[in-house]
C-alpha atoms as a PDB file:
ATOM      1  CA  MET A   1      18.895  -8.441 -29.498  1.00  0.00           C
ATOM      2  CA  GLU A   2      19.168  -8.604 -33.214  1.00  0.00           C
ATOM      3  CA  ASP A   3      22.260  -8.185 -35.348  1.00  0.00           C
ATOM      4  CA  THR A   4      22.904  -4.483 -35.953  1.00  0.00           C
ATOM      5  CA  ASP A   5      24.766  -4.648 -39.294  1.00  0.00           C
ATOM      6  CA  GLY A   6      22.060  -2.840 -41.259  1.00  0.00           C
ATOM      7  CA  ILE A   7      21.252   0.067 -38.935  1.00  0.00           C
ATOM      8  CA  LYS A   8      18.953   2.434 -40.838  1.00  0.00           C
ATOM      9  CA  ASP A   9      17.594   4.726 -38.175  1.00  0.00           C
ATOM     10  CA  VAL A  10      19.439   5.396 -34.937  1.00  0.00           C
ATOM     11  CA  GLN A  11      16.245   6.274 -33.022  1.00  0.00           C
ATOM     12  CA  ILE A  12      14.531   3.003 -33.957  1.00  0.00           C
ATOM     13  CA  GLU A  13      17.592   1.001 -32.928  1.00  0.00           C
ATOM     14  CA  TRP A  14      17.906   2.958 -29.671  1.00  0.00           C
ATOM     15  CA  ASN A  15      14.256   2.262 -28.838  1.00  0.00           C
ATOM     16  CA  LYS A  16      14.815  -1.459 -29.425  1.00  0.00           C
ATOM     17  CA  ILE A  17      17.866  -1.496 -27.117  1.00  0.00           C
ATOM     18  CA  LYS A  18      16.041   0.553 -24.490  1.00  0.00           C
ATOM     19  CA  LYS A  19      13.041  -1.806 -24.606  1.00  0.00           C
ATOM     20  CA  VAL A  20      15.285  -4.860 -24.072  1.00  0.00           C
ATOM     21  CA  ILE A  21      17.121  -3.213 -21.149  1.00  0.00           C
ATOM     22  CA  VAL A  22      13.913  -2.074 -19.443  1.00  0.00           C
ATOM     23  CA  GLN A  23      12.296  -5.486 -19.890  1.00  0.00           C
ATOM     24  CA  ALA A  24      15.359  -7.270 -18.445  1.00  0.00           C
ATOM     25  CA  ALA A  25      15.423  -4.884 -15.482  1.00  0.00           C
ATOM     26  CA  LYS A  26      11.716  -5.445 -14.768  1.00  0.00           C
ATOM     27  CA  GLU A  27      12.152  -9.217 -14.911  1.00  0.00           C
ATOM     28  CA  SER A  28      15.197  -9.300 -12.659  1.00  0.00           C
ATOM     29  CA  LEU A  29      14.398  -6.475 -10.233  1.00  0.00           C
ATOM     30  CA  GLY A  30      10.647  -6.096 -10.483  1.00  0.00           C
ATOM     31  CA  GLU A  31       8.720  -2.846 -10.286  1.00  0.00           C
ATOM     32  CA  LYS A  32       8.508  -0.734  -7.183  1.00  0.00           C
ATOM     33  CA  LYS A  33       5.460   1.431  -6.710  1.00  0.00           C
ATOM     34  CA  GLY A  34       6.138   4.696  -4.936  1.00  0.00           C
ATOM     35  CA  LYS A  35       4.196   5.388  -1.754  1.00  0.00           C
ATOM     36  CA  ARG A  36       4.936   9.077  -1.626  1.00  0.00           C
ATOM     37  CA  ASN A  37       2.159  11.002   0.117  1.00  0.00           C
ATOM     38  CA  GLU A  38      -0.257   8.050   0.120  1.00  0.00           C
ATOM     39  CA  GLU A  39      -0.812   8.457   3.830  1.00  0.00           C
ATOM     40  CA  TRP A  40      -2.281  11.929   3.726  1.00  0.00           C
ATOM     41  CA  VAL A  41      -3.566  12.529   0.181  1.00  0.00           C
ATOM     42  CA  ASP A  42      -7.273  11.761   0.343  1.00  0.00           C
ATOM     43  CA  GLU A  43     -10.113  12.143  -2.151  1.00  0.00           C
ATOM     44  CA  GLU A  44     -10.794  15.755  -1.171  1.00  0.00           C
ATOM     45  CA  CYS A  45      -7.135  16.663  -1.804  1.00  0.00           C
ATOM     46  CA  ARG A  46      -7.090  14.857  -5.161  1.00  0.00           C
ATOM     47  CA  THR A  47     -10.278  16.644  -6.239  1.00  0.00           C
ATOM     48  CA  ALA A  48      -8.894  20.057  -5.262  1.00  0.00           C
ATOM     49  CA  ILE A  49      -5.653  19.372  -7.147  1.00  0.00           C
ATOM     50  CA  GLN A  50      -7.564  18.216 -10.230  1.00  0.00           C
ATOM     51  CA  GLU A  51      -9.736  21.360 -10.170  1.00  0.00           C
ATOM     52  CA  LYS A  52      -6.617  23.507  -9.811  1.00  0.00           C
ATOM     53  CA  ASN A  53      -4.986  21.772 -12.779  1.00  0.00           C
ATOM     54  CA  ASN A  54      -8.099  22.239 -14.935  1.00  0.00           C
ATOM     55  CA  VAL A  55      -8.256  25.951 -14.089  1.00  0.00           C
ATOM     56  CA  ARG A  56      -4.530  26.240 -14.858  1.00  0.00           C
ATOM     57  CA  LYS A  57      -5.075  24.779 -18.334  1.00  0.00           C
ATOM     58  CA  ILE A  58      -7.822  27.331 -18.929  1.00  0.00           C
ATOM     59  CA  MET A  59      -5.553  30.121 -17.686  1.00  0.00           C
ATOM     60  CA  LEU A  60      -2.730  29.030 -20.005  1.00  0.00           C
ATOM     61  CA  GLN A  61      -5.081  29.023 -23.003  1.00  0.00           C
ATOM     62  CA  ARG A  62      -6.344  32.536 -22.330  1.00  0.00           C
ATOM     63  CA  MET A  63      -4.154  34.634 -20.050  1.00  0.00           C
ATOM     64  CA  THR A  64      -6.379  37.278 -18.451  1.00  0.00           C
ATOM     65  CA  ARG A  65      -6.403  38.899 -15.037  1.00  0.00           C
ATOM     66  CA  SER A  66      -9.569  37.077 -14.035  1.00  0.00           C
ATOM     67  CA  SER A  67      -8.227  33.680 -15.140  1.00  0.00           C
ATOM     68  CA  LYS A  68      -4.982  34.294 -13.229  1.00  0.00           C
ATOM     69  CA  GLU A  69      -6.909  35.279 -10.107  1.00  0.00           C
ATOM     70  CA  THR A  70      -9.192  32.235 -10.424  1.00  0.00           C
ATOM     71  CA  TYR A  71      -6.143  30.009 -10.734  1.00  0.00           C
ATOM     72  CA  ARG A  72      -4.517  31.610  -7.679  1.00  0.00           C
ATOM     73  CA  GLU A  73      -7.676  31.041  -5.637  1.00  0.00           C
ATOM     74  CA  HIS A  74      -7.862  27.386  -6.665  1.00  0.00           C
ATOM     75  CA  ARG A  75      -4.143  26.941  -5.960  1.00  0.00           C
ATOM     76  CA  ARG A  76      -4.486  28.457  -2.480  1.00  0.00           C
ATOM     77  CA  ARG A  77      -7.524  26.272  -1.756  1.00  0.00           C
ATOM     78  CA  ALA A  78      -5.750  23.079  -2.928  1.00  0.00           C
ATOM     79  CA  ASN A  79      -2.632  23.893  -0.907  1.00  0.00           C
ATOM     80  CA  LYS A  80      -4.719  24.564   2.192  1.00  0.00           C
ATOM     81  CA  ILE A  81      -6.661  21.304   1.878  1.00  0.00           C
ATOM     82  CA  CYS A  82      -3.480  19.265   1.316  1.00  0.00           C
ATOM     83  CA  ARG A  83      -1.663  21.025   4.156  1.00  0.00           C
ATOM     84  CA  GLU A  84      -4.552  20.230   6.539  1.00  0.00           C
ATOM     85  CA  GLY A  85      -4.524  16.587   5.435  1.00  0.00           C
ATOM     86  CA  LYS A  86      -0.801  16.318   6.049  1.00  0.00           C
ATOM     87  CA  ARG A  87      -1.125  18.003   9.436  1.00  0.00           C
ATOM     88  CA  ASP A  88      -3.907  15.572  10.449  1.00  0.00           C
ATOM     89  CA  MET A  89      -1.748  12.614   9.392  1.00  0.00           C
ATOM     90  CA  LEU A  90       1.175  13.905  11.454  1.00  0.00           C
ATOM     91  CA  LYS A  91      -1.088  14.401  14.485  1.00  0.00           C
ATOM     92  CA  ARG A  92      -2.319  10.810  14.167  1.00  0.00           C
ATOM     93  CA  GLN A  93       1.274   9.571  13.969  1.00  0.00           C
ATOM     94  CA  ILE A  94       2.237  11.569  17.055  1.00  0.00           C
ATOM     95  CA  GLU A  95      -0.740  10.160  18.975  1.00  0.00           C
ATOM     96  CA  SER A  96       0.141   6.607  17.975  1.00  0.00           C
ATOM     97  CA  THR A  97       3.748   7.276  19.040  1.00  0.00           C
ATOM     98  CA  GLU A  98       2.504   8.373  22.439  1.00  0.00           C
ATOM     99  CA  VAL A  99       0.464   5.166  22.713  1.00  0.00           C
ATOM    100  CA  GLU A 100       3.556   3.103  21.882  1.00  0.00           C
ATOM    101  CA  ARG A 101       5.546   4.986  24.527  1.00  0.00           C
ATOM    102  CA  GLU A 102       2.868   4.301  27.135  1.00  0.00           C
ATOM    103  CA  ARG A 103       2.733   0.628  26.170  1.00  0.00           C
ATOM    104  CA  VAL A 104       6.463   0.367  26.703  1.00  0.00           C
ATOM    105  CA  ASP A 105       6.992  -0.868  23.149  1.00  0.00           C
ATOM    106  CA  ARG A 106      10.339   0.849  23.039  1.00  0.00           C
ATOM    107  CA  ARG A 107      11.582  -0.422  19.703  1.00  0.00           C
ATOM    108  CA  ILE A 108       8.641   0.926  17.710  1.00  0.00           C
ATOM    109  CA  TYR A 109       8.638   4.108  19.771  1.00  0.00           C
ATOM    110  CA  TYR A 110      12.281   4.898  19.037  1.00  0.00           C
ATOM    111  CA  GLN A 111      11.910   3.982  15.352  1.00  0.00           C
ATOM    112  CA  THR A 112       9.103   6.519  15.067  1.00  0.00           C
ATOM    113  CA  VAL A 113      11.006   9.164  17.011  1.00  0.00           C
ATOM    114  CA  ASN A 114      14.008   8.686  14.723  1.00  0.00           C
ATOM    115  CA  TRP A 115      11.743   8.969  11.679  1.00  0.00           C
ATOM    116  CA  PHE A 116      10.513  12.349  12.946  1.00  0.00           C
ATOM    117  CA  ARG A 117      14.084  13.479  13.627  1.00  0.00           C
ATOM    118  CA  LYS A 118      15.306  12.517  10.154  1.00  0.00           C
ATOM    119  CA  LYS A 119      12.389  14.243   8.454  1.00  0.00           C
ATOM    120  CA  ASP A 120      13.156  17.578  10.170  1.00  0.00           C
ATOM    121  CA  PHE A 121       9.667  17.423  11.610  1.00  0.00           C
ATOM    122  CA  ASN A 122       7.827  20.727  11.824  1.00  0.00           C
ATOM    123  CA  PRO A 123       4.106  20.384  12.666  1.00  0.00           C
ATOM    124  CA  LEU A 124       3.242  23.916  11.556  1.00  0.00           C
END
């Protein structure tokens, strides 16, 4: 960091300090990529969400009854597709848990059961 005797603009100086802190944190801790929803969000779900977002932008530009209804339809469709994808992923996890139970791999079985308990699992 440079000497701050001649501070002219607070925002510029703050951005410099922020940049140094973020860079030091990345070097010492590294970056962690989030894996949220990677298991069940597939290409069909991403496409439906993108279509919904595009229709929403159109609706926000020109607020009419037809644009609102079109957006609602796209939102319902995207939610349904994503909900089905999540449900399929949960079914696959339950089936693999049953296989682990039958194989008498107790450690993995109980780890998975505890994961379902902590998530307040509700298949519907």
